[in-house]
Amino acid sequence: QEELAAHLKSGALSQLHVAFSRETAQKVYVQDKIWEQRDAVWKLLQHPKCTVYVCGDARAMAPDVKKAFQRVAEDCGGRSSSSAANMVAAMVESNRYLEDVWAS
């Protein structure tokens, strides 16, 4: 957390939105933050150099995060469910959606 805050302070990050699902009574998940910031996320996804890095649990978190990006493409981009899924699949294929996940 301190390292991320330092990157924000240095200007390496322009924004930082954190989700803690285990440290507070009110569980907040990454997919919740993606949805809260959906307009900004959609704008970023439109940039040809946008790359998404997902790290964490392969069983539940990673699929739910991928679905959140698809939902953003549907809601903000007006895409059908299959078109949104294809968009994320194309990002995976072009190494713009990268996962470092593990089974828990």
C-alpha atoms as a PDB file:
ATOM      1  CA  GLN A   1       0.000   0.000   0.000  1.00  0.00           C
ATOM      2  CA  GLU A   2       2.857   2.400   0.825  1.00  0.00           C
ATOM      3  CA  GLU A   3       4.536   1.602  -2.484  1.00  0.00           C
ATOM      4  CA  LEU A   4       1.367   2.412  -4.418  1.00  0.00           C
ATOM      5  CA  ALA A   5       0.925   5.656  -2.496  1.00  0.00           C
ATOM      6  CA  ALA A   6       4.519   6.594  -3.352  1.00  0.00           C
ATOM      7  CA  HIS A   7       3.826   6.017  -7.078  1.00  0.00           C
ATOM      8  CA  LEU A   8       0.753   8.235  -6.796  1.00  0.00           C
ATOM      9  CA  LYS A   9       2.737  10.957  -5.073  1.00  0.00           C
ATOM     10  CA  SER A  10       5.550  10.756  -7.648  1.00  0.00           C
ATOM     11  CA  GLY A  11       3.102  11.136 -10.533  1.00  0.00           C
ATOM     12  CA  ALA A  12       3.775   7.648 -11.930  1.00  0.00           C
ATOM     13  CA  LEU A  13       0.098   6.970 -11.192  1.00  0.00           C
ATOM     14  CA  SER A  14      -2.509   9.607 -11.867  1.00  0.00           C
ATOM     15  CA  GLN A  15      -5.175   7.877  -9.766  1.00  0.00           C
ATOM     16  CA  LEU A  16      -5.358   5.025  -7.301  1.00  0.00           C
ATOM     17  CA  HIS A  17      -8.507   3.156  -6.312  1.00  0.00           C
ATOM     18  CA  VAL A  18      -8.056   0.380  -3.778  1.00  0.00           C
ATOM     19  CA  ALA A  19     -10.345  -2.478  -2.829  1.00  0.00           C
ATOM     20  CA  PHE A  20      -9.961  -4.336   0.430  1.00  0.00           C
ATOM     21  CA  SER A  21     -12.123  -7.423   0.730  1.00  0.00           C
ATOM     22  CA  ARG A  22     -10.587  -8.776   3.914  1.00  0.00           C
ATOM     23  CA  GLU A  23      -9.533  -5.765   5.946  1.00  0.00           C
ATOM     24  CA  THR A  24     -12.887  -4.069   6.567  1.00  0.00           C
ATOM     25  CA  ALA A  25     -16.385  -5.079   7.620  1.00  0.00           C
ATOM     26  CA  GLN A  26     -17.754  -3.701   4.334  1.00  0.00           C
ATOM     27  CA  LYS A  27     -16.203  -5.927   1.671  1.00  0.00           C
ATOM     28  CA  VAL A  28     -15.098  -4.016  -1.422  1.00  0.00           C
ATOM     29  CA  TYR A  29     -13.931  -5.980  -4.434  1.00  0.00           C
ATOM     30  CA  VAL A  30     -11.912  -4.986  -7.496  1.00  0.00           C
ATOM     31  CA  GLN A  31     -14.932  -5.509  -9.739  1.00  0.00           C
ATOM     32  CA  ASP A  32     -16.882  -3.062  -7.555  1.00  0.00           C
ATOM     33  CA  LYS A  33     -14.228  -0.399  -8.110  1.00  0.00           C
ATOM     34  CA  ILE A  34     -14.165  -1.090 -11.856  1.00  0.00           C
ATOM     35  CA  TRP A  35     -17.930  -0.575 -11.973  1.00  0.00           C
ATOM     36  CA  GLU A  36     -17.805   2.578  -9.817  1.00  0.00           C
ATOM     37  CA  GLN A  37     -15.246   4.064 -12.197  1.00  0.00           C
ATOM     38  CA  ARG A  38     -16.803   2.598 -15.353  1.00  0.00           C
ATOM     39  CA  ASP A  39     -16.795   5.817 -17.408  1.00  0.00           C
ATOM     40  CA  ALA A  40     -13.099   6.401 -16.719  1.00  0.00           C
ATOM     41  CA  VAL A  41     -12.349   2.697 -17.253  1.00  0.00           C
ATOM     42  CA  TRP A  42     -14.136   2.731 -20.603  1.00  0.00           C
ATOM     43  CA  LYS A  43     -12.187   5.802 -21.676  1.00  0.00           C
ATOM     44  CA  LEU A  44      -8.919   4.073 -20.750  1.00  0.00           C
ATOM     45  CA  LEU A  45      -9.906   0.885 -22.570  1.00  0.00           C
ATOM     46  CA  GLN A  46     -10.283   2.924 -25.761  1.00  0.00           C
ATOM     47  CA  HIS A  47      -6.603   3.896 -25.709  1.00  0.00           C
ATOM     48  CA  PRO A  48      -4.588   1.589 -28.007  1.00  0.00           C
ATOM     49  CA  LYS A  49      -1.786   1.262 -25.440  1.00  0.00           C
ATOM     50  CA  CYS A  50      -4.081   0.499 -22.505  1.00  0.00           C
ATOM     51  CA  THR A  51      -2.941  -2.659 -20.730  1.00  0.00           C
ATOM     52  CA  VAL A  52      -4.801  -4.318 -17.879  1.00  0.00           C
ATOM     53  CA  TYR A  53      -2.914  -6.327 -15.265  1.00  0.00           C
ATOM     54  CA  VAL A  54      -4.922  -8.643 -13.018  1.00  0.00           C
ATOM     55  CA  CYS A  55      -3.193 -10.393 -10.129  1.00  0.00           C
ATOM     56  CA  GLY A  56      -4.784 -12.614  -7.526  1.00  0.00           C
ATOM     57  CA  ASP A  57      -7.155 -15.507  -7.045  1.00  0.00           C
ATOM     58  CA  ALA A  58      -7.834 -17.530 -10.196  1.00  0.00           C
ATOM     59  CA  ARG A  59     -10.965 -19.212  -8.877  1.00  0.00           C
ATOM     60  CA  ALA A  60     -13.289 -16.270  -8.238  1.00  0.00           C
ATOM     61  CA  MET A  61     -11.566 -12.895  -8.450  1.00  0.00           C
ATOM     62  CA  ALA A  62     -10.023 -13.129 -11.922  1.00  0.00           C
ATOM     63  CA  PRO A  63     -13.212 -14.288 -13.701  1.00  0.00           C
ATOM     64  CA  ASP A  64     -15.297 -11.688 -11.839  1.00  0.00           C
ATOM     65  CA  VAL A  65     -12.876  -8.913 -12.807  1.00  0.00           C
ATOM     66  CA  LYS A  66     -12.942  -9.998 -16.454  1.00  0.00           C
ATOM     67  CA  LYS A  67     -16.753  -9.961 -16.347  1.00  0.00           C
ATOM     68  CA  ALA A  68     -16.622  -6.440 -14.871  1.00  0.00           C
ATOM     69  CA  PHE A  69     -14.586  -5.201 -17.847  1.00  0.00           C
ATOM     70  CA  GLN A  70     -17.051  -6.878 -20.205  1.00  0.00           C
ATOM     71  CA  ARG A  71     -19.929  -5.221 -18.360  1.00  0.00           C
ATOM     72  CA  VAL A  72     -18.232  -1.831 -18.761  1.00  0.00           C
ATOM     73  CA  ALA A  73     -17.932  -2.450 -22.523  1.00  0.00           C
ATOM     74  CA  GLU A  74     -21.625  -3.308 -22.646  1.00  0.00           C
ATOM     75  CA  ASP A  75     -22.842  -0.402 -20.538  1.00  0.00           C
ATOM     76  CA  CYS A  76     -20.488   2.374 -21.625  1.00  0.00           C
ATOM     77  CA  GLY A  77     -19.570   1.124 -25.065  1.00  0.00           C
ATOM     78  CA  GLY A  78     -23.008  -0.050 -26.112  1.00  0.00           C
ATOM     79  CA  ARG A  79     -21.656  -3.468 -27.039  1.00  0.00           C
ATOM     80  CA  SER A  80     -23.615  -6.685 -26.964  1.00  0.00           C
ATOM     81  CA  SER A  81     -22.569  -9.332 -24.460  1.00  0.00           C
ATOM     82  CA  SER A  82     -20.759 -11.346 -27.143  1.00  0.00           C
ATOM     83  CA  SER A  83     -19.093  -8.246 -28.599  1.00  0.00           C
ATOM     84  CA  ALA A  84     -17.879  -7.212 -25.130  1.00  0.00           C
ATOM     85  CA  ALA A  85     -16.518 -10.711 -24.502  1.00  0.00           C
ATOM     86  CA  ASN A  86     -14.782 -10.611 -27.898  1.00  0.00           C
ATOM     87  CA  MET A  87     -13.250  -7.233 -27.064  1.00  0.00           C
ATOM     88  CA  VAL A  88     -11.715  -8.584 -23.853  1.00  0.00           C
ATOM     89  CA  ALA A  89     -10.621 -11.758 -25.667  1.00  0.00           C
ATOM     90  CA  ALA A  90      -8.876  -9.588 -28.273  1.00  0.00           C
ATOM     91  CA  MET A  91      -7.117  -7.723 -25.461  1.00  0.00           C
ATOM     92  CA  VAL A  92      -5.940 -11.075 -24.057  1.00  0.00           C
ATOM     93  CA  GLU A  93      -4.728 -12.180 -27.496  1.00  0.00           C
ATOM     94  CA  SER A  94      -2.781  -8.946 -28.031  1.00  0.00           C
ATOM     95  CA  ASN A  95      -1.256  -9.044 -24.515  1.00  0.00           C
ATOM     96  CA  ARG A  96      -3.247  -6.006 -23.387  1.00  0.00           C
ATOM     97  CA  TYR A  97      -5.081  -8.022 -20.714  1.00  0.00           C
ATOM     98  CA  LEU A  98      -2.590  -9.940 -18.588  1.00  0.00           C
ATOM     99  CA  GLU A  99      -3.298 -12.179 -15.640  1.00  0.00           C
ATOM    100  CA  ASP A 100      -0.957 -13.410 -12.924  1.00  0.00           C
ATOM    101  CA  VAL A 101      -3.337 -15.624 -11.004  1.00  0.00           C
ATOM    102  CA  TRP A 102      -3.173 -18.640  -8.745  1.00  0.00           C
ATOM    103  CA  ALA A 103      -5.558 -21.157  -7.244  1.00  0.00           C
ATOM    104  CA  SER A 104      -6.371 -20.703  -3.594  1.00  0.00           C
END
